[in-house]
Protein backbone atom coordinates (compact mmCIF):
# COMPACT_ATOMS: atom_id res chain seq x y z
CA MET A 1 19.31 -5.93 16.87
CA LYS A 2 16.79 -2.86 18.75
CA ARG A 3 12.86 -2.79 18.45
CA ILE A 4 10.79 0.66 18.46
CA VAL A 5 7.77 -0.70 18.84
CA ALA A 6 7.56 0.38 21.97
CA VAL A 7 7.27 4.35 20.38
CA LEU A 8 5.96 2.83 17.12
CA LEU A 9 2.74 1.50 19.65
CA SER A 10 2.84 4.92 21.30
CA MET A 11 2.28 6.13 18.29
CA GLY A 12 -0.55 3.84 16.61
CA MET A 13 1.59 3.78 13.84
CA ILE A 14 2.04 -0.53 14.06
CA LEU A 15 -1.35 -1.73 12.12
CA SER A 16 -3.08 -3.51 14.70
CA LEU A 17 -5.73 -5.45 12.98
CA ALA A 18 -8.46 -5.25 16.20
CA GLY A 19 -10.52 -8.45 16.15
CA CYS A 20 -13.88 -7.56 16.27
CA THR A 21 -16.97 -9.57 18.39
CA SER A 22 -19.42 -12.58 16.69
CA LYS A 23 -21.85 -11.09 14.06
CA ASP A 24 -24.72 -11.74 13.76
CA GLU A 25 -25.15 -14.30 10.11
CA THR A 26 -26.24 -12.69 6.75
CA LYS A 27 -26.32 -13.85 3.84
CA LYS A 28 -28.24 -12.84 0.51
CA THR A 29 -28.54 -14.82 -2.59
CA LYS A 30 -27.81 -13.14 -5.34
CA LYS A 31 -28.27 -14.10 -9.07
CA THR A 32 -25.27 -12.53 -11.38
CA LYS A 33 -26.58 -10.00 -13.61
CA LYS A 34 -24.06 -7.71 -16.08
CA THR A 35 -26.37 -4.92 -16.10
CA LYS A 36 -30.15 -4.20 -14.85
CA LYS A 37 -30.55 -1.22 -16.93
CA THR A 38 -30.16 0.68 -20.31
CA THR A 39 -27.75 3.03 -20.65
CA THR A 40 -28.98 6.43 -20.25
CA GLU A 41 -26.58 9.62 -19.62
CA ALA A 42 -26.74 10.08 -15.77
CA THR A 43 -27.62 13.89 -14.83
CA ASP A 44 -26.34 14.60 -11.73
CA ASP A 45 -24.40 17.24 -10.67
CA PRO A 46 -21.34 15.83 -9.28
CA THR A 47 -19.95 18.13 -6.05
CA GLU A 48 -17.85 20.87 -7.30
CA ASP A 49 -14.56 22.49 -5.48
CA PRO A 50 -12.47 19.52 -4.60
CA THR A 51 -10.33 20.57 -0.65
CA ASP A 52 -6.99 20.03 -1.08
CA ASP A 53 -5.09 18.13 0.88
CA PRO A 54 -4.42 19.39 3.87
CA THR A 55 -0.90 17.66 4.77
CA ASP A 56 0.71 18.99 1.74
CA ILE A 57 3.28 21.24 2.43
CA PRO A 58 5.36 23.52 -0.19
CA SER A 59 7.16 21.19 -2.08
CA ASP A 60 8.32 20.80 -6.09
CA SER A 61 9.43 17.45 -5.08
CA SER A 62 8.19 14.16 -6.87
CA ASP A 63 9.03 10.12 -4.90
CA ILE A 64 12.13 8.93 -6.25
CA ASN A 65 9.76 5.32 -4.54
CA ALA A 66 7.25 5.43 -7.72
CA PRO A 67 5.59 2.71 -8.65
CA ASP A 68 7.77 0.69 -11.77
CA ASP A 69 4.96 0.99 -13.97
CA PRO A 70 3.18 3.55 -13.89
CA THR A 71 6.11 5.85 -14.76
CA THR A 72 6.41 4.20 -17.98
CA ASP A 73 2.80 4.81 -19.78
CA THR A 74 1.44 7.71 -20.92
CA THR A 75 -0.86 6.34 -23.22
CA SER A 76 -4.60 6.35 -21.78
CA ASP A 77 -5.80 3.45 -20.55
CA THR A 78 -8.59 2.52 -22.43
CA SER A 79 -6.63 2.12 -26.02
CA ASP A 80 -5.87 -1.48 -26.06
CA THR A 81 -7.99 -2.93 -23.02
CA VAL A 82 -10.98 -5.81 -24.32
CA PRO A 83 -12.93 -5.82 -21.47
CA VAL A 84 -13.08 -9.75 -19.72
CA ASP A 85 -16.35 -11.15 -19.31
CA THR A 86 -16.59 -11.24 -15.82
CA SER A 87 -20.18 -12.79 -15.62
CA ALA A 88 -20.32 -15.46 -18.57
CA ALA A 89 -23.06 -16.87 -16.87
CA PRO A 90 -26.24 -16.70 -14.61
CA SER A 91 -24.99 -18.20 -11.19
CA VAL A 92 -26.11 -17.94 -8.04
CA PHE A 93 -23.28 -16.14 -5.32
CA THR A 94 -23.52 -15.81 -2.06
CA ILE A 95 -22.49 -12.83 0.18
CA ASP A 96 -21.95 -13.40 4.10
CA GLU A 97 -21.01 -10.83 6.29
CA SER A 98 -20.25 -13.40 9.12
CA LEU A 99 -16.06 -13.22 9.32
CA SER A 100 -14.43 -11.85 11.69
CA GLU A 101 -10.85 -9.77 11.49
CA LEU A 102 -8.50 -11.35 13.01
CA PRO A 103 -5.94 -9.62 15.75
CA LEU A 104 -3.16 -9.48 14.07
CA TYR A 105 -0.07 -7.51 14.54
CA TYR A 106 1.56 -6.69 11.08
CA PRO A 107 3.90 -4.06 11.95
CA GLN A 108 6.97 -2.98 10.67
CA GLU A 109 8.94 -4.32 13.43
CA ASP A 110 12.60 -3.92 13.34
CA ILE A 111 14.09 -0.85 11.87
CA GLU A 112 17.90 -0.38 12.00
CA TYR A 113 20.34 2.04 10.32
CA ALA A 114 24.17 1.71 10.73
CA GLY A 115 25.76 5.42 9.84
CA ALA A 116 28.47 7.28 9.14
CA LEU A 117 29.93 10.33 7.99
CA GLY A 118 31.76 9.72 4.00
CA THR A 119 31.87 10.67 0.81
CA ASN A 120 29.07 9.48 -2.30
CA ASP A 121 28.98 8.50 -5.29
CA PHE A 122 29.19 12.06 -6.40
CA ASP A 123 32.45 13.23 -3.98
CA GLU A 124 30.08 15.50 -1.64
CA GLU A 125 30.00 14.79 1.72
CA ASP A 126 27.17 12.46 3.32
CA THR A 127 25.82 9.82 5.65
CA LEU A 128 26.39 6.37 4.87
CA PHE A 129 24.30 4.01 6.03
CA VAL A 130 22.98 0.44 6.44
CA THR A 131 19.80 -0.45 7.16
CA ILE A 132 17.32 -2.91 7.45
CA ASP A 133 13.80 -2.72 7.55
CA ALA A 134 11.88 -6.12 8.47
CA ASN A 135 7.76 -7.05 8.52
CA ASP A 136 6.67 -9.59 11.72
CA MET A 137 3.17 -10.68 11.98
CA TYR A 138 2.24 -12.80 15.02
CA PHE A 139 -1.36 -12.84 16.86
CA ARG A 140 -2.37 -10.90 20.25
CA GLY A 141 -2.99 -13.09 22.66
CA ASP A 142 -5.83 -15.16 21.14
CA PRO A 143 -5.08 -19.28 22.09
CA SER A 144 -7.25 -20.55 19.18
CA LEU A 145 -4.57 -18.65 16.28
CA GLN A 146 -1.62 -20.60 17.46
CA ASN A 147 -2.05 -23.72 14.33
CA LEU A 148 -2.51 -20.11 12.71
CA GLN A 149 0.74 -18.61 13.90
CA ALA A 150 2.57 -21.77 13.07
CA ALA A 151 1.91 -21.98 9.84
CA ILE A 152 2.42 -18.44 9.22
CA ASP A 153 6.37 -19.00 10.62
CA GLN A 154 6.97 -22.60 9.39
CA HIS A 155 7.96 -20.22 5.66
CA MET A 156 7.59 -16.60 6.86
CA ALA A 157 10.96 -17.22 9.79
CA SER A 158 13.92 -18.69 8.10
CA TYR A 159 13.60 -15.61 5.29
CA ARG A 160 13.17 -13.04 8.09
CA GLN A 161 16.10 -14.50 9.95
CA GLY A 162 17.50 -15.12 6.54
CA THR A 163 17.24 -10.83 5.52
CA ILE A 164 18.02 -10.07 9.46
CA ASP A 165 21.39 -12.17 9.39
CA ALA A 166 22.66 -10.54 5.98
CA TYR A 167 21.93 -7.01 7.18
CA LEU A 168 24.11 -7.97 10.67
CA ALA A 169 27.02 -9.35 8.33
CA ALA A 170 27.25 -5.73 6.04
CA LYS A 171 26.24 -4.17 9.48
CA GLU A 172 29.64 -5.79 10.92
CA LYS A 173 31.86 -5.02 7.74
CA PHE A 174 30.63 -1.50 7.45
CA GLN A 175 31.49 -0.78 10.94
CA ALA A 176 34.57 -2.32 10.39
CA ASP A 177 35.08 -0.13 6.60
CA THR A 178 34.24 3.02 8.53
CA SER A 179 36.12 3.10 11.38
CA ALA A 180 38.59 1.94 10.03
CA GLY A 181 38.76 5.56 7.79
CA ASN A 182 37.85 3.07 4.48
CA ALA A 183 35.20 3.88 2.14
CA PRO A 184 31.98 1.17 3.19
CA GLU A 185 32.13 -1.15 -0.01
CA LYS A 186 28.15 0.70 -0.68
CA SER A 187 27.23 4.25 0.24
CA PHE A 188 23.77 3.06 1.02
CA GLN A 189 22.58 -0.44 1.31
CA TYR A 190 18.95 -1.67 2.74
CA PHE A 191 17.40 -5.39 3.70
CA ASN A 192 13.95 -5.53 3.57
CA PHE A 193 12.07 -8.33 4.37
CA HIS A 194 8.27 -7.88 3.29
CA VAL A 195 4.88 -9.21 3.01
CA GLU A 196 1.63 -8.69 1.77
CA MET A 197 -1.62 -9.57 3.70
CA TYR A 198 -4.44 -10.30 1.21
CA ARG A 199 -7.36 -11.92 3.77
CA SER A 200 -6.94 -11.34 7.64
CA ASP A 201 -10.18 -13.44 9.38
CA SER A 202 -11.53 -16.02 10.75
CA GLN A 203 -11.85 -18.08 7.06
CA ILE A 204 -8.87 -17.46 6.04
CA PHE A 205 -5.54 -16.30 6.11
CA SER A 206 -3.50 -15.51 2.52
CA TYR A 207 -0.46 -13.99 2.54
CA ALA A 208 3.20 -13.59 0.53
CA ILE A 209 6.40 -13.12 0.69
CA VAL A 210 7.41 -10.56 -1.75
CA ASP A 211 10.92 -9.23 -0.78
CA ALA A 212 13.50 -11.33 1.48
CA GLU A 213 16.97 -11.94 1.09
CA GLY A 214 17.14 -15.87 -0.40
CA LEU A 215 13.66 -15.00 -2.45
CA PRO A 216 14.58 -14.44 -6.17
CA LYS A 217 13.94 -11.10 -7.15
CA ASP A 218 11.90 -12.32 -9.99
CA GLN A 219 9.89 -14.22 -7.81
CA VAL A 220 6.92 -14.53 -5.06
CA GLU A 221 6.07 -16.84 -2.31
CA THR A 222 2.51 -17.37 -1.91
CA HIS A 223 0.34 -19.01 1.27
CA ASN A 224 -3.28 -19.44 1.91
CA ILE A 225 -4.30 -21.08 5.18
CA LEU A 226 -7.05 -22.26 6.09
CA THR A 227 -7.14 -20.14 9.93
CA GLU A 228 -9.15 -22.52 12.66
CA THR A 229 -6.48 -25.52 11.61
CA GLY A 230 -4.02 -23.98 10.37
CA ALA A 231 -3.41 -25.93 7.04
CA PHE A 232 -2.48 -24.54 3.73
CA LEU A 233 -4.62 -24.77 1.54
CA GLU A 234 -2.59 -25.98 -2.45
CA LEU A 235 -3.84 -25.22 -5.68
CA ASP A 236 -6.68 -28.14 -6.38
CA ASP A 237 -8.27 -26.83 -2.68
CA VAL A 238 -9.40 -23.53 -4.35
CA VAL A 239 -9.53 -24.39 -8.52
CA ARG A 240 -11.62 -26.94 -9.46
CA ASP A 241 -11.04 -26.83 -13.18
CA ARG A 242 -6.87 -26.14 -13.78
CA GLU A 243 -7.50 -26.12 -17.72
CA GLY A 244 -10.41 -23.76 -17.06
CA LEU A 245 -8.39 -21.22 -15.05
CA LYS A 246 -5.85 -21.39 -18.10
CA ALA A 247 -8.08 -20.28 -20.53
CA TYR A 248 -9.46 -17.93 -18.11
CA LEU A 249 -6.22 -16.04 -17.04
CA LYS A 250 -5.03 -16.58 -20.92
CA GLU A 251 -7.89 -14.32 -21.64
CA ILE A 252 -7.46 -11.99 -19.18
CA PHE A 253 -3.78 -11.17 -20.05
CA ASP A 254 -5.35 -11.13 -23.77
CA SER A 255 -6.93 -7.79 -22.70
CA ASN A 256 -4.56 -5.50 -21.93
CA PRO A 257 -1.15 -6.39 -24.00
CA THR A 258 0.02 -2.78 -23.04
CA GLN A 259 0.33 -3.75 -19.19
CA ILE A 260 1.97 -6.93 -20.00
CA SER A 261 4.49 -5.18 -22.01
CA ILE A 262 5.16 -2.92 -19.07
CA TRP A 263 5.49 -5.43 -16.51
CA ASP A 264 7.90 -7.65 -19.50
CA LEU A 265 5.77 -10.58 -18.00
CA ASP A 266 6.25 -14.00 -19.08
CA THR A 267 2.53 -14.85 -18.88
CA ASP A 268 3.78 -18.87 -20.49
CA THR A 269 5.36 -19.02 -17.07
CA TYR A 270 2.47 -18.44 -15.64
CA LEU A 271 0.05 -20.55 -17.43
CA LYS A 272 2.07 -23.55 -16.92
CA SER A 273 2.53 -23.05 -13.28
CA ILE A 274 -0.82 -23.87 -13.07
CA ASP A 275 0.12 -27.25 -14.76
CA ASP A 276 1.91 -28.27 -12.30
CA GLY A 277 0.91 -26.38 -9.10
CA THR A 278 2.75 -24.01 -8.39
CA PHE A 279 1.29 -20.99 -9.48
CA PRO A 280 1.45 -18.04 -6.75
CA PHE A 281 -1.76 -17.03 -5.79
CA THR A 282 -3.73 -15.40 -3.22
CA MET A 283 -7.41 -14.91 -2.08
CA THR A 284 -9.65 -12.24 -1.38
CA TYR A 285 -13.58 -12.00 -1.18
CA ASP A 286 -14.72 -12.27 -4.66
CA ALA A 287 -11.19 -13.51 -6.20
CA ILE A 288 -7.78 -15.49 -6.08
CA ASP A 289 -4.72 -13.22 -6.91
CA LEU A 290 -2.27 -13.49 -9.33
CA VAL A 291 0.56 -11.89 -6.96
CA ILE A 292 3.97 -10.52 -9.16
CA PRO A 293 6.76 -8.71 -8.37
CA THR A 294 7.65 -5.09 -9.36
CA HIS A 295 10.06 -3.93 -6.76
CA GLY A 296 9.07 -0.61 -7.78
CA TYR A 297 7.37 1.87 -4.70
CA LEU A 298 5.37 -1.45 -4.36
CA TYR A 299 7.06 -4.67 -4.08
CA SER A 300 4.65 -6.53 -5.62
CA GLU A 301 1.36 -5.31 -8.23
CA THR A 302 -1.93 -8.07 -9.01
CA ILE A 303 -3.90 -9.69 -11.53
CA LYS A 304 -7.28 -10.01 -10.12
CA ILE A 305 -9.22 -13.09 -11.06
CA PRO A 306 -12.40 -13.09 -10.54
CA VAL A 307 -14.32 -15.81 -9.42
CA ILE A 308 -17.86 -13.82 -10.07
CA GLY A 309 -19.48 -15.05 -13.20
CA HIS A 310 -16.78 -18.25 -13.33
CA GLU A 311 -17.59 -20.08 -10.48
CA GLU A 312 -17.18 -23.96 -12.03
CA LEU A 313 -13.93 -23.23 -11.88
CA PHE A 314 -13.35 -22.19 -8.19
CA ASN A 315 -13.99 -24.25 -4.63
CA MET A 316 -17.07 -21.45 -4.08
CA GLU A 317 -16.83 -21.96 -0.08
CA TYR A 318 -13.81 -20.19 0.48
CA PHE A 319 -15.27 -17.30 -1.36
CA GLY A 320 -18.23 -14.45 -1.27
CA LYS A 321 -17.81 -14.81 3.29
CA THR A 322 -16.79 -11.08 4.68
CA PRO A 323 -16.31 -9.46 7.28
CA SER A 324 -18.45 -6.48 8.21
CA TYR A 325 -16.15 -3.78 6.30
CA TYR A 326 -14.13 -4.39 3.65
CA THR A 327 -12.36 -3.52 0.62
CA ILE A 328 -12.22 -5.21 -3.01
CA TYR A 329 -10.96 -4.09 -6.30
CA SER A 330 -11.08 -4.19 -9.68
CA ASP A 331 -10.37 -6.70 -12.37
CA PHE A 332 -7.58 -5.68 -15.26
CA ALA A 333 -10.47 -3.96 -17.32
CA SER A 334 -11.12 -2.22 -14.53
CA ASN A 335 -15.02 -3.83 -13.68
CA ILE A 336 -16.18 -4.71 -10.44
CA VAL A 337 -19.29 -7.11 -9.79
CA TRP A 338 -20.75 -6.93 -6.54
CA ASP A 339 -24.36 -6.39 -4.71
CA VAL A 340 -23.48 -2.80 -4.03
CA ASN A 341 -27.11 -1.20 -2.98
CA GLY A 342 -28.79 -4.58 -1.67
CA ASP A 343 -31.36 -4.91 -3.46
CA GLY A 344 -30.50 -8.91 -4.11
CA GLU A 345 -28.34 -8.63 -7.62
CA MET A 346 -25.04 -8.14 -8.45
CA ASP A 347 -24.25 -4.73 -9.69
CA SER A 348 -21.48 -3.80 -12.49
CA LEU A 349 -19.37 -1.09 -11.85
CA ASN A 350 -16.86 0.01 -14.77
CA ALA A 351 -14.67 3.12 -15.11
CA ALA A 352 -12.69 4.85 -18.74
CA TYR A 353 -9.93 7.52 -18.56
CA SER A 354 -8.85 9.21 -21.35
CA ILE A 355 -6.98 11.96 -22.59
CA GLY A 356 -6.80 14.43 -25.80
CA PRO A 357 -4.56 14.46 -28.42
CA ASN A 358 -0.93 15.49 -27.59
CA ALA A 359 -1.53 14.27 -23.81
CA ASN A 360 -4.05 17.98 -24.08
CA TYR A 361 -5.76 17.32 -20.19
CA ASP A 362 -8.28 19.64 -20.96
CA GLU A 363 -9.91 17.13 -23.15
CA ALA A 364 -9.72 14.55 -20.26
CA LYS A 365 -12.63 12.77 -19.61
CA LEU A 366 -13.99 10.23 -16.73
CA ASP A 367 -16.69 7.52 -17.49
CA ILE A 368 -18.02 5.58 -14.86
CA ASP A 369 -20.62 2.74 -15.58
CA PHE A 370 -22.88 1.61 -12.74
CA ASN A 371 -25.37 -0.98 -14.11
CA GLY A 372 -25.68 0.64 -17.72
CA THR A 373 -26.58 4.07 -16.14
CA GLN A 374 -23.09 7.10 -17.48
CA TYR A 375 -21.50 9.84 -15.94
CA SER A 376 -19.19 11.45 -17.22
CA TYR A 377 -17.01 14.22 -16.12
CA THR A 378 -14.29 16.32 -17.23
CA ASN A 379 -12.27 18.80 -15.91
CA ALA A 380 -14.94 21.59 -15.80
CA ASP A 381 -16.76 19.25 -13.13
CA PHE A 382 -12.97 18.66 -11.00
CA GLU A 383 -9.14 18.45 -11.78
CA LEU A 384 -8.10 16.07 -14.16
CA THR A 385 -4.24 16.12 -15.12
CA SER A 386 -3.17 12.55 -14.36
CA ASN A 387 -2.60 9.79 -17.99
CA ARG A 388 -4.77 6.60 -17.03
CA ILE A 389 -6.48 4.51 -13.91
CA TRP A 390 -4.32 2.45 -12.57
CA TYR A 391 -7.00 0.72 -10.44
CA SER A 392 -10.31 1.03 -8.58
CA MET A 393 -11.53 -0.19 -5.21
CA LEU A 394 -15.01 -0.44 -3.95
CA MET A 395 -15.35 -0.09 0.49
CA LYS A 396 -17.70 -0.92 2.23
CA THR A 397 -17.83 1.42 5.45
CA ASP A 398 -20.26 1.72 8.26
CA HIS A 399 -21.29 4.76 6.33
CA GLY A 400 -22.34 2.59 2.74
CA TYR A 401 -20.11 2.02 0.24
CA TYR A 402 -17.54 4.35 -1.70
CA LEU A 403 -15.82 3.74 -4.86
CA LEU A 404 -12.36 5.11 -5.29
CA ILE A 405 -10.65 5.31 -8.48
CA ARG A 406 -6.81 5.71 -8.71
CA LEU A 407 -5.45 7.63 -11.54
CA ILE A 408 -1.70 8.20 -12.35
CA ALA A 409 -0.03 10.33 -14.04
CA ILE A 410 3.51 10.20 -15.90
CA ASP A 411 5.45 11.76 -12.73
CA SER A 412 3.93 9.13 -10.42
CA TYR A 413 2.51 11.51 -9.11
CA ILE A 414 -1.59 9.51 -8.34
CA ASP A 415 -4.92 11.35 -7.22
CA THR A 416 -7.80 9.16 -5.90
CA LEU A 417 -11.32 10.10 -6.81
CA VAL A 418 -14.21 9.24 -4.19
CA PHE A 419 -17.76 8.29 -5.91
CA LYS A 420 -20.42 7.59 -2.91
CA ILE A 421 -22.49 4.57 -3.78
CA ASP A 422 -26.97 5.50 -2.66
CA GLY A 423 -29.20 2.81 -4.38
CA ASP A 424 -29.03 3.22 -7.82
CA LYS A 425 -26.91 6.53 -8.01
CA LEU A 426 -23.20 7.47 -8.18
CA SER A 427 -21.93 10.89 -6.94
CA TYR A 428 -18.16 12.69 -6.56
CA VAL A 429 -17.40 13.58 -3.41
CA ASP A 430 -13.68 14.35 -3.45
CA THR A 431 -10.11 13.85 -4.45
CA PHE A 432 -7.40 12.67 -2.22
CA TYR A 433 -4.30 11.99 -2.89
CA GLY A 434 -1.61 10.03 -0.87
CA LYS A 435 -0.13 6.40 -1.83
CA PHE A 436 -2.03 2.86 -0.60
CA ARG A 437 1.04 0.97 0.82
CA THR A 438 -0.39 -2.16 -0.93
CA MET A 439 -2.42 -3.69 -3.12
CA GLY A 440 -3.18 -6.43 -0.72
CA TYR A 441 -6.11 -6.60 2.47
CA ILE A 442 -7.49 -3.17 3.32
CA HIS A 443 -10.06 -2.44 5.93
CA PRO A 444 -11.73 1.09 5.58
CA GLY A 445 -10.82 1.68 9.02
CA TYR A 446 -7.41 1.70 9.41
CA PHE A 447 -5.14 1.80 6.29
CA GLU A 448 -2.01 3.10 5.67
CA LEU A 449 -1.14 5.98 3.19
CA THR A 450 2.16 7.52 2.18
CA SER A 451 2.64 10.74 1.45
CA ASN A 452 6.31 12.94 0.13
CA PHE A 453 7.28 15.93 2.82
CA ASP A 454 10.15 18.31 2.71
CA VAL A 455 11.91 18.51 6.06
CA LEU A 456 15.84 17.10 6.25
CA GLY A 457 15.64 16.60 2.68
CA SER A 458 12.30 14.90 1.19
CA GLY A 459 10.92 11.69 2.53
CA THR A 460 8.30 9.43 2.05
CA PHE A 461 5.71 10.13 5.56
CA ILE A 462 3.32 7.14 6.69
CA ASN A 463 0.14 7.75 8.19
CA GLN A 464 -3.26 5.47 9.44
CA PHE A 465 -6.27 7.06 8.14
CA SER A 466 -9.81 5.94 8.43
CA MET A 467 -12.84 6.30 5.71
CA MET A 468 -14.82 5.51 8.40
CA ASN A 469 -16.09 8.94 9.09
CA GLY A 470 -19.21 9.07 7.14
CA ASN A 471 -17.87 12.23 4.81
CA GLY A 472 -15.63 9.63 2.06
CA VAL A 473 -12.77 11.33 2.58
CA PRO A 474 -9.71 9.37 4.48
CA GLN A 475 -9.18 11.12 7.75
CA THR A 476 -5.72 10.45 9.90
CA ASN A 477 -6.12 7.93 12.54
CA TYR A 478 -2.57 10.51 14.07
CA SER A 479 -1.71 13.74 14.12
CA LEU A 480 1.72 12.20 13.54
CA TYR A 481 3.43 10.61 10.41
CA SER A 482 6.12 7.81 10.80
CA SER A 483 9.07 8.39 8.72
CA ALA A 484 10.70 6.74 6.48
CA ALA A 485 13.25 9.28 6.14
CA THR A 486 17.35 8.26 5.75
CA PRO A 487 19.48 9.82 7.60
CA VAL A 488 22.33 12.56 7.89
CA THR A 489 24.97 14.38 9.90
CA ALA A 490 25.47 16.71 12.35
CA LYS A 491 27.41 19.72 11.35
CA VAL A 492 27.47 21.99 14.41
CA ASP A 493 25.66 20.92 17.85
CA VAL A 494 22.29 21.20 17.23
CA ALA A 495 19.81 22.11 20.35
CA GLY A 496 16.22 20.27 20.86
CA ALA A 497 14.21 18.55 23.52
CA LEU A 498 14.60 15.17 24.75
CA LEU A 499 11.46 13.29 24.53
CA ASP A 500 10.73 9.69 26.63
CA SER A 501 9.09 7.09 24.83
CA SER A 502 5.61 8.80 24.79
CA LEU A 503 6.55 11.53 23.80
CA THR A 504 7.03 13.68 26.64
CA TYR A 505 8.94 16.67 27.32
CA ILE A 506 11.90 15.43 29.67
CA GLU A 507 14.71 17.80 29.48
CA ASP A 508 16.53 20.48 27.16
CA TYR A 509 18.99 18.10 24.33
CA THR A 510 22.24 18.64 22.16
CA ILE A 511 22.53 16.76 19.48
CA LYS A 512 26.11 16.65 19.10
CA ALA A 513 28.38 17.31 15.75
CA GLY A 514 28.71 14.11 14.01
CA ALA A 515 25.74 12.43 15.36
CA HIS A 516 23.38 10.51 13.12
CA ILE A 517 19.65 10.80 13.09
CA ARG A 518 16.55 10.61 10.97
CA PRO A 519 13.19 12.25 10.78
CA MET A 520 11.24 9.58 12.36
CA PHE A 521 7.41 11.95 13.19
CA TYR A 522 6.05 14.21 11.75
CA ASN A 523 3.03 16.54 12.06
CA PRO A 524 2.87 18.79 8.35
CA VAL A 525 -0.18 21.09 9.79
CA ASP A 526 2.01 22.82 12.80
CA ARG A 527 5.47 21.32 11.98
CA THR A 528 6.66 18.88 14.73
CA LEU A 529 9.49 17.38 13.89
CA ILE A 530 11.02 14.88 15.98
CA VAL A 531 14.36 12.95 14.81
CA GLN A 532 15.90 9.86 16.26
CA VAL A 533 19.51 10.28 17.42
CA LEU A 534 21.80 7.37 15.80
CA THR A 535 24.12 6.78 18.76
CA ASP A 536 27.27 4.76 17.47
CA PHE A 537 26.56 1.65 15.78
CA PHE A 538 23.66 1.17 18.28
CA GLU A 539 25.70 0.47 21.40
CA ASP A 540 23.08 2.76 23.31
CA ASP A 541 19.53 3.46 23.37
CA TYR A 542 18.24 5.86 20.97
CA ALA A 543 17.89 9.58 22.02
CA TRP A 544 14.26 10.80 20.84
CA VAL A 545 14.30 14.78 19.92
CA GLU A 546 12.56 17.08 18.89
CA LEU A 547 13.46 20.09 16.90
CA ASP A 548 12.31 23.45 16.58
CA PHE A 549 11.54 23.27 12.49
CA THR A 550 10.31 25.42 10.55
CA ILE A 551 9.65 26.14 6.62
CA GLU A 552 9.87 29.70 5.00
CA ASP A 553 10.14 30.84 2.03
CA TYR A 554 9.88 27.19 1.06
CA GLU A 555 13.24 26.91 2.98
CA CYS A 556 13.59 23.98 5.97
CA ARG A 557 15.30 25.34 8.77
CA VAL A 558 15.98 24.43 12.14
CA ASN A 559 16.10 26.59 15.35
CA GLY A 560 15.67 29.41 12.32
CA THR A 561 19.06 28.13 10.18
CA SER A 562 19.20 26.78 7.03
CA VAL A 563 19.28 23.29 7.49
CA TYR A 564 21.63 22.89 4.76
CA ASP A 565 24.52 24.70 7.60
CA LEU A 566 23.42 22.28 9.82
CA PHE A 567 23.60 18.85 8.46
CA TYR A 568 25.68 16.92 6.05
CA GLY A 569 22.90 14.97 3.33
CA ILE A 570 20.10 17.11 2.90
CA MET A 571 19.04 15.88 -0.59
CA TYR A 572 15.56 17.54 -1.88
CA TRP A 573 13.68 15.42 -4.39
CA GLY A 574 12.62 17.44 -7.91
């Protein structure tokens, strides 16, 4: 199988979790405290005139890979949500920022397409294909992590290889059918091996296999591993009271029946899995997460089970330790409990969102409770056009803490509102657009967001972003977005420029009529478009070709000609 790792490395599109140097150990013992202030109305004026997303281009498309659950919920998220008490009794929780991140490669390493010109299900000439996208996880040159690598491979390797084998068999049949002039069994075939990571540090490595050949579609497989030894942590290593956990989880389920219904979640099955020890959980810095398959835009989602306030249920030696920079998620009721102002006591953040009757967004309102101080925002402060809160995130950066509130609309369009936490005050910073590719581990200095762009049809594009810039708005780490777009077929010869693996010009190049190509890299600012030429069933190496791409009057063109006149298989969303 051909690998494009060298090119991806050169573009920085592999999520490289750089190992940190050892840090001076800093520990804080914090008494859990529900609120610290009486409720008063905040008078701070939020920042106005948020900057538009600089990467957006004219498009009326919507994401066909949207998350399953947000598209169906048109009600306010506050309609039947009963807050769960995450601080049932005063207790001691220790925050320790002495952990190091692991030097992990976590790429979509094997990406391959086999294409053929044929007729799709609508009797249109189209580019038919079979493709694979397979994650991998491996560490860079650290012999102390050999035991951990072996533990990861013990469960991951067979699923990954099984997915690759299934793809190769389907590819062989696809080639045989199309070479003989027969229609393939399926016009478009996708094979995925996908893992989600939840912790990757010098204490714990936690991950879930969420999509693979041989893995039932309604299941995930989770693993929690001691980094130093490679030993697996079982449920009883982490949970001290199974019956207490069951009661706690049932309370969480009961707090949001609408979301449980949307997911069509069999809660009894998950409760029973605690009894038999098969409970599919991962570990974060302040919680264990129940991982559930969704098979939409995200392969899985999580139900957070906070340990703060319920420390008696858990082995607390595995919680509270973090690296210097990290992300914490809200629970099912949009609560976050953490010390964000350094005063040695737990702070509470809660977000609630509502819209007017008959989906009247003019009456949309966002309320944030920060330690009992109420912050209320309407469309007079910034645009609110979403239906509900999906979840919130707390990011610890080199410039302090930021609260990110993810709002989702009925068409799966997602706004992320950013607020700066400065001591006991909260202030609005900006709104950005794009979708996080995971609800798992996110480092504030390098995380991936996806955006939809119109080039050779509509496609999903990915870049790595950072919040380590001091202004609270994610900035791209690289000028080019990487593409997950599907192939098209040239109708005529198309002129371009051949590039080497570092994307440096070699010579002029002609994409021959009948060749299959797919968008690979794109800069939405200057319209740089680099495509990958898929040679005949991968007998030769890929060719990387830059095209003269423009958008004029909302029409995508190559060499001044409409892409519809140059390629089969062009499809725009919306």
